[in-house]
């Protein structure tokens, strides 16, 4: 079985998930020093349907939670849906001002 490799490519403003040598999913973001706007989750078409984007979002959120100095803005619909399905992780979401 091929191992997963999670990377944070800060110079490219993205997180990636590889399975063996294959890039399977990418999560693009914008970081302003206070918030991380997750702008696009993408899975290579031949790898879709296996939960790789969800795994990538989970690992990226876990890394940000561990750092403890950023809030997340889920710009991408997939990321917003992921947070809706994982309300226990909503503590890292940026509070909406009224």
Protein backbone atom coordinates (compact mmCIF):
# COMPACT_ATOMS: atom_id res chain seq x y z
CA UNK A 1 0.00 0.00 0.00
CA UNK A 2 1.30 3.45 -0.93
CA UNK A 3 1.86 5.93 1.88
CA UNK A 4 0.36 9.41 1.99
CA UNK A 5 2.63 12.42 2.19
CA UNK A 6 1.23 15.75 3.38
CA UNK A 7 3.24 18.87 2.59
CA UNK A 8 2.86 22.56 3.27
CA UNK A 9 4.36 24.50 0.38
CA UNK A 10 4.30 27.97 1.96
CA UNK A 11 6.14 29.56 -0.98
CA UNK A 12 3.31 28.41 -3.27
CA UNK A 13 0.54 29.11 -0.69
CA UNK A 14 -0.76 25.56 -0.82
CA UNK A 15 -0.98 22.26 0.98
CA UNK A 16 -0.58 19.05 -0.99
CA UNK A 17 -1.34 15.38 -0.55
CA UNK A 18 0.65 12.75 -2.41
CA UNK A 19 0.07 9.04 -2.56
CA UNK A 20 3.42 7.49 -3.32
CA UNK A 21 4.88 9.67 -6.07
CA UNK A 22 1.47 10.86 -7.29
CA UNK A 23 0.07 14.28 -6.43
CA UNK A 24 -3.57 13.56 -5.61
CA UNK A 25 -4.95 16.74 -4.05
CA UNK A 26 -4.11 20.44 -3.56
CA UNK A 27 -5.51 23.04 -1.15
CA UNK A 28 -4.72 26.65 -2.11
CA UNK A 29 -4.92 29.46 0.43
CA UNK A 30 -4.19 33.12 1.15
CA UNK A 31 -2.55 33.98 4.49
CA UNK A 32 -2.64 37.58 5.73
CA UNK A 33 -0.90 36.85 9.04
CA UNK A 34 -4.14 36.61 11.01
CA UNK A 35 -6.38 34.47 8.81
CA UNK A 36 -5.96 31.72 6.25
CA UNK A 37 -8.54 31.94 3.46
CA UNK A 38 -8.82 28.46 1.96
CA UNK A 39 -9.63 29.34 -1.62
CA UNK A 40 -9.59 26.09 -3.61
CA UNK A 41 -9.55 22.36 -2.89
CA UNK A 42 -8.70 20.32 -5.97
CA UNK A 43 -8.27 16.61 -6.54
CA UNK A 44 -6.69 15.27 -9.71
CA UNK A 45 -9.61 13.76 -11.68
CA UNK A 46 -8.22 10.21 -11.76
CA UNK A 47 -8.06 10.23 -7.93
CA UNK A 48 -11.50 11.71 -7.19
CA UNK A 49 -14.04 9.85 -5.08
CA UNK A 50 -11.59 8.48 -2.50
CA UNK A 51 -11.80 11.23 0.15
CA UNK A 52 -8.38 12.70 -0.59
CA UNK A 53 -9.55 16.33 -0.51
CA UNK A 54 -11.18 15.72 2.87
CA UNK A 55 -8.00 14.13 4.18
CA UNK A 56 -6.00 17.12 2.94
CA UNK A 57 -8.34 19.67 4.54
CA UNK A 58 -8.26 17.67 7.79
CA UNK A 59 -4.45 17.70 7.88
CA UNK A 60 -4.20 21.39 6.95
CA UNK A 61 -6.71 22.35 9.66
CA UNK A 62 -4.83 20.19 12.19
CA UNK A 63 -1.58 21.99 11.34
CA UNK A 64 -3.22 25.39 11.74
CA UNK A 65 -4.85 24.33 15.02
CA UNK A 66 -1.45 23.21 16.32
CA UNK A 67 0.10 26.57 15.41
CA UNK A 68 -2.76 28.36 17.16
CA UNK A 69 -2.19 31.78 15.61
CA UNK A 70 -4.57 31.85 12.62
CA UNK A 71 -8.28 31.60 11.95
CA UNK A 72 -9.68 29.96 8.81
CA UNK A 73 -12.01 31.53 6.29
CA UNK A 74 -13.54 28.77 4.13
CA UNK A 75 -13.84 30.55 0.76
CA UNK A 76 -13.98 27.30 -1.24
CA UNK A 77 -17.37 25.55 -1.17
CA UNK A 78 -15.70 22.20 -0.48
CA UNK A 79 -13.89 23.53 2.59
CA UNK A 80 -17.13 25.14 3.84
CA UNK A 81 -18.93 21.80 3.40
CA UNK A 82 -16.08 20.02 5.21
CA UNK A 83 -16.46 22.34 8.22
CA UNK A 84 -20.25 21.83 8.16
CA UNK A 85 -19.63 18.07 8.36
CA UNK A 86 -17.03 18.50 11.16
CA UNK A 87 -18.57 21.03 13.59
CA UNK A 88 -16.15 19.91 16.30
CA UNK A 89 -13.40 21.68 14.31
CA UNK A 90 -15.28 25.01 13.97
CA UNK A 91 -13.28 26.62 16.79
CA UNK A 92 -10.66 27.67 14.25
CA UNK A 93 -13.16 29.43 11.98
CA UNK A 94 -13.04 33.19 11.81
CA UNK A 95 -15.94 34.71 13.72
CA UNK A 96 -18.31 36.62 11.50
CA UNK A 97 -18.85 40.23 12.49
CA UNK A 98 -22.48 41.33 12.47
